[in-house]
């Protein structure tokens, strides 16, 4: 399965989601207070989403799944 990360972190209501790249189905989504907690914990930084290669984005998606399990 190939993942697509959609990150809108620099807007009034930031949102982050991971979807299946083939089907477009949303698998995980963070927004509002939940996303702010994730960013404040230091597990995520806006710079993490400026990754150019497909393999780096897939690695970031796996990290996000693991962070989700920690909550």
N, C-alpha and C. Protein backbone atom coordinates (compact mmCIF):
# COMPACT_ATOMS: atom_id res chain seq x y z
N UNK A 1 0.86 -1.17 0.00
CA UNK A 1 0.00 0.00 0.00
C UNK A 1 0.90 1.23 0.00
N UNK A 2 0.58 2.17 -0.85
CA UNK A 2 1.32 3.42 -0.93
C UNK A 2 0.47 4.52 -0.30
N UNK A 3 1.10 5.32 0.53
CA UNK A 3 0.39 6.36 1.27
C UNK A 3 0.63 7.73 0.67
N UNK A 4 -0.35 8.59 0.85
CA UNK A 4 -0.23 9.99 0.48
C UNK A 4 -0.47 10.81 1.73
N UNK A 5 0.43 11.74 2.01
CA UNK A 5 0.29 12.62 3.17
C UNK A 5 -0.20 13.97 2.70
N UNK A 6 -1.27 14.44 3.31
CA UNK A 6 -1.84 15.76 3.01
C UNK A 6 -1.68 16.60 4.26
N UNK A 7 -0.85 17.62 4.18
CA UNK A 7 -0.57 18.44 5.35
C UNK A 7 -0.89 19.91 5.04
N UNK A 8 -1.79 20.46 5.83
CA UNK A 8 -2.13 21.88 5.75
C UNK A 8 -1.86 22.46 7.13
N UNK A 9 -0.59 22.71 7.42
CA UNK A 9 -0.18 23.09 8.77
C UNK A 9 -0.13 24.59 9.00
N UNK A 10 -0.09 25.36 7.94
CA UNK A 10 0.07 26.80 8.10
C UNK A 10 -1.20 27.56 7.77
N UNK A 11 -2.31 27.02 8.20
CA UNK A 11 -3.59 27.70 8.01
C UNK A 11 -4.27 27.82 9.38
N UNK A 12 -5.32 28.63 9.49
CA UNK A 12 -5.95 28.84 10.80
C UNK A 12 -6.40 27.55 11.48
N UNK A 13 -6.94 26.62 10.74
CA UNK A 13 -7.33 25.32 11.28
C UNK A 13 -6.46 24.25 10.63
N UNK A 14 -5.27 23.99 11.18
CA UNK A 14 -4.36 23.04 10.54
C UNK A 14 -4.97 21.64 10.50
N UNK A 15 -4.56 20.89 9.48
CA UNK A 15 -5.09 19.55 9.28
C UNK A 15 -4.00 18.69 8.67
N UNK A 16 -3.97 17.43 9.06
CA UNK A 16 -3.01 16.47 8.54
C UNK A 16 -3.75 15.16 8.32
N UNK A 17 -3.58 14.56 7.15
CA UNK A 17 -4.22 13.28 6.91
C UNK A 17 -3.30 12.38 6.11
N UNK A 18 -3.55 11.08 6.25
CA UNK A 18 -2.86 10.07 5.45
C UNK A 18 -3.94 9.29 4.72
N UNK A 19 -3.74 9.12 3.43
CA UNK A 19 -4.71 8.37 2.65
C UNK A 19 -4.00 7.32 1.80
N UNK A 20 -4.77 6.34 1.36
CA UNK A 20 -4.27 5.34 0.43
C UNK A 20 -4.15 6.03 -0.93
N UNK A 21 -2.96 6.01 -1.48
CA UNK A 21 -2.72 6.75 -2.72
C UNK A 21 -3.55 6.20 -3.88
N UNK A 22 -3.82 4.90 -3.89
CA UNK A 22 -4.57 4.31 -5.00
C UNK A 22 -6.07 4.57 -4.90
N UNK A 23 -6.64 4.40 -3.72
CA UNK A 23 -8.09 4.54 -3.58
C UNK A 23 -8.52 5.94 -3.15
N UNK A 24 -7.60 6.69 -2.54
CA UNK A 24 -7.95 8.00 -2.01
C UNK A 24 -8.62 7.94 -0.65
N UNK A 25 -8.81 6.74 -0.12
CA UNK A 25 -9.48 6.57 1.18
C UNK A 25 -8.61 7.12 2.31
N UNK A 26 -9.20 7.97 3.16
CA UNK A 26 -8.49 8.53 4.31
C UNK A 26 -8.33 7.45 5.37
N UNK A 27 -7.09 7.26 5.82
CA UNK A 27 -6.78 6.25 6.82
C UNK A 27 -6.62 6.84 8.21
N UNK A 28 -5.99 7.99 8.29
CA UNK A 28 -5.81 8.71 9.56
C UNK A 28 -5.97 10.19 9.30
N UNK A 29 -6.45 10.90 10.33
CA UNK A 29 -6.61 12.34 10.19
C UNK A 29 -6.44 12.99 11.55
N UNK A 30 -5.70 14.07 11.57
CA UNK A 30 -5.53 14.87 12.78
C UNK A 30 -5.91 16.31 12.44
N UNK A 31 -6.55 16.96 13.41
CA UNK A 31 -6.86 18.39 13.25
C UNK A 31 -7.09 18.99 14.62
N UNK A 32 -7.12 20.29 14.68
CA UNK A 32 -7.42 21.00 15.92
C UNK A 32 -6.48 20.64 17.05
N UNK A 33 -7.05 20.46 18.24
CA UNK A 33 -6.27 20.21 19.45
C UNK A 33 -5.43 18.95 19.34
N UNK A 34 -5.96 17.92 18.69
CA UNK A 34 -5.22 16.67 18.53
C UNK A 34 -3.94 16.89 17.73
N UNK A 35 -4.00 17.66 16.67
CA UNK A 35 -2.83 17.95 15.86
C UNK A 35 -1.86 18.84 16.62
N UNK A 36 -2.38 19.82 17.35
CA UNK A 36 -1.51 20.69 18.14
C UNK A 36 -0.74 19.89 19.18
N UNK A 37 -1.38 18.90 19.82
CA UNK A 37 -0.69 18.03 20.79
C UNK A 37 0.44 17.28 20.11
N UNK A 38 0.18 16.76 18.94
CA UNK A 38 1.18 16.00 18.20
C UNK A 38 2.37 16.89 17.84
N UNK A 39 2.10 18.10 17.42
CA UNK A 39 3.18 19.04 17.08
C UNK A 39 3.94 19.48 18.33
N UNK A 40 3.22 19.73 19.41
CA UNK A 40 3.86 20.20 20.65
C UNK A 40 4.70 19.13 21.32
N UNK A 41 4.37 17.85 21.11
CA UNK A 41 5.15 16.76 21.68
C UNK A 41 6.52 16.66 21.03
N UNK A 42 6.70 17.33 19.90
CA UNK A 42 7.97 17.29 19.21
C UNK A 42 8.10 16.11 18.26
N UNK A 43 7.07 15.29 18.17
CA UNK A 43 7.11 14.15 17.26
C UNK A 43 6.98 14.57 15.81
N UNK A 44 6.47 15.75 15.58
CA UNK A 44 6.25 16.26 14.24
C UNK A 44 6.74 17.68 14.13
N UNK A 45 7.26 17.99 12.98
CA UNK A 45 7.67 19.37 12.69
C UNK A 45 7.25 19.66 11.25
N UNK A 46 6.91 20.90 10.97
CA UNK A 46 6.47 21.26 9.62
C UNK A 46 7.51 20.89 8.58
N UNK A 47 8.78 20.98 8.94
CA UNK A 47 9.86 20.66 8.00
C UNK A 47 9.82 19.19 7.55
N UNK A 48 9.25 18.33 8.38
CA UNK A 48 9.16 16.91 8.05
C UNK A 48 8.36 16.66 6.77
N UNK A 49 7.49 17.60 6.43
CA UNK A 49 6.60 17.40 5.29
C UNK A 49 7.15 18.01 4.00
N UNK A 50 8.35 18.46 4.06
CA UNK A 50 8.99 19.01 2.86
C UNK A 50 9.97 17.99 2.28
N UNK A 51 9.60 16.74 2.31
CA UNK A 51 10.46 15.65 1.85
C UNK A 51 10.19 15.40 0.36
N UNK A 52 11.24 15.43 -0.42
CA UNK A 52 11.03 15.32 -1.86
C UNK A 52 10.79 13.91 -2.39
N UNK A 53 11.40 12.90 -1.79
CA UNK A 53 11.32 11.56 -2.40
C UNK A 53 10.14 10.75 -1.88
N UNK A 54 9.69 9.84 -2.71
CA UNK A 54 8.57 8.95 -2.37
C UNK A 54 8.92 8.08 -1.16
N UNK A 55 10.14 7.55 -1.13
CA UNK A 55 10.52 6.66 -0.02
C UNK A 55 10.55 7.40 1.30
N UNK A 56 10.98 8.66 1.30
CA UNK A 56 10.98 9.45 2.54
C UNK A 56 9.55 9.74 3.00
N UNK A 57 8.65 9.99 2.07
CA UNK A 57 7.25 10.21 2.45
C UNK A 57 6.63 8.95 3.02
N UNK A 58 6.98 7.80 2.47
CA UNK A 58 6.45 6.54 2.99
C UNK A 58 6.98 6.28 4.41
N UNK A 59 8.25 6.61 4.64
CA UNK A 59 8.84 6.46 5.98
C UNK A 59 8.13 7.39 6.97
N UNK A 60 7.82 8.62 6.54
CA UNK A 60 7.11 9.55 7.41
C UNK A 60 5.71 9.04 7.72
N UNK A 61 5.04 8.46 6.75
CA UNK A 61 3.71 7.89 6.98
C UNK A 61 3.78 6.80 8.05
N UNK A 62 4.79 5.95 7.96
CA UNK A 62 4.94 4.90 8.99
C UNK A 62 5.16 5.50 10.36
N UNK A 63 5.98 6.56 10.43
CA UNK A 63 6.21 7.25 11.71
C UNK A 63 4.91 7.81 12.27
N UNK A 64 4.08 8.37 11.41
CA UNK A 64 2.80 8.93 11.85
C UNK A 64 1.86 7.84 12.38
N UNK A 65 1.87 6.69 11.73
CA UNK A 65 1.05 5.57 12.23
C UNK A 65 1.52 5.17 13.63
N UNK A 66 2.84 5.13 13.84
CA UNK A 66 3.38 4.78 15.16
C UNK A 66 3.03 5.84 16.20
N UNK A 67 3.13 7.11 15.83
CA UNK A 67 2.76 8.18 16.77
C UNK A 67 1.30 8.07 17.15
N UNK A 68 0.46 7.68 16.22
CA UNK A 68 -0.96 7.51 16.48
C UNK A 68 -1.18 6.41 17.54
N UNK A 69 -0.38 5.38 17.49
CA UNK A 69 -0.50 4.27 18.45
C UNK A 69 -0.08 4.67 19.86
N UNK A 70 0.75 5.69 19.97
CA UNK A 70 1.23 6.14 21.28
C UNK A 70 0.17 6.87 22.07
N UNK A 71 -0.80 7.46 21.41
CA UNK A 71 -1.84 8.24 22.10
C UNK A 71 -2.87 7.38 22.74
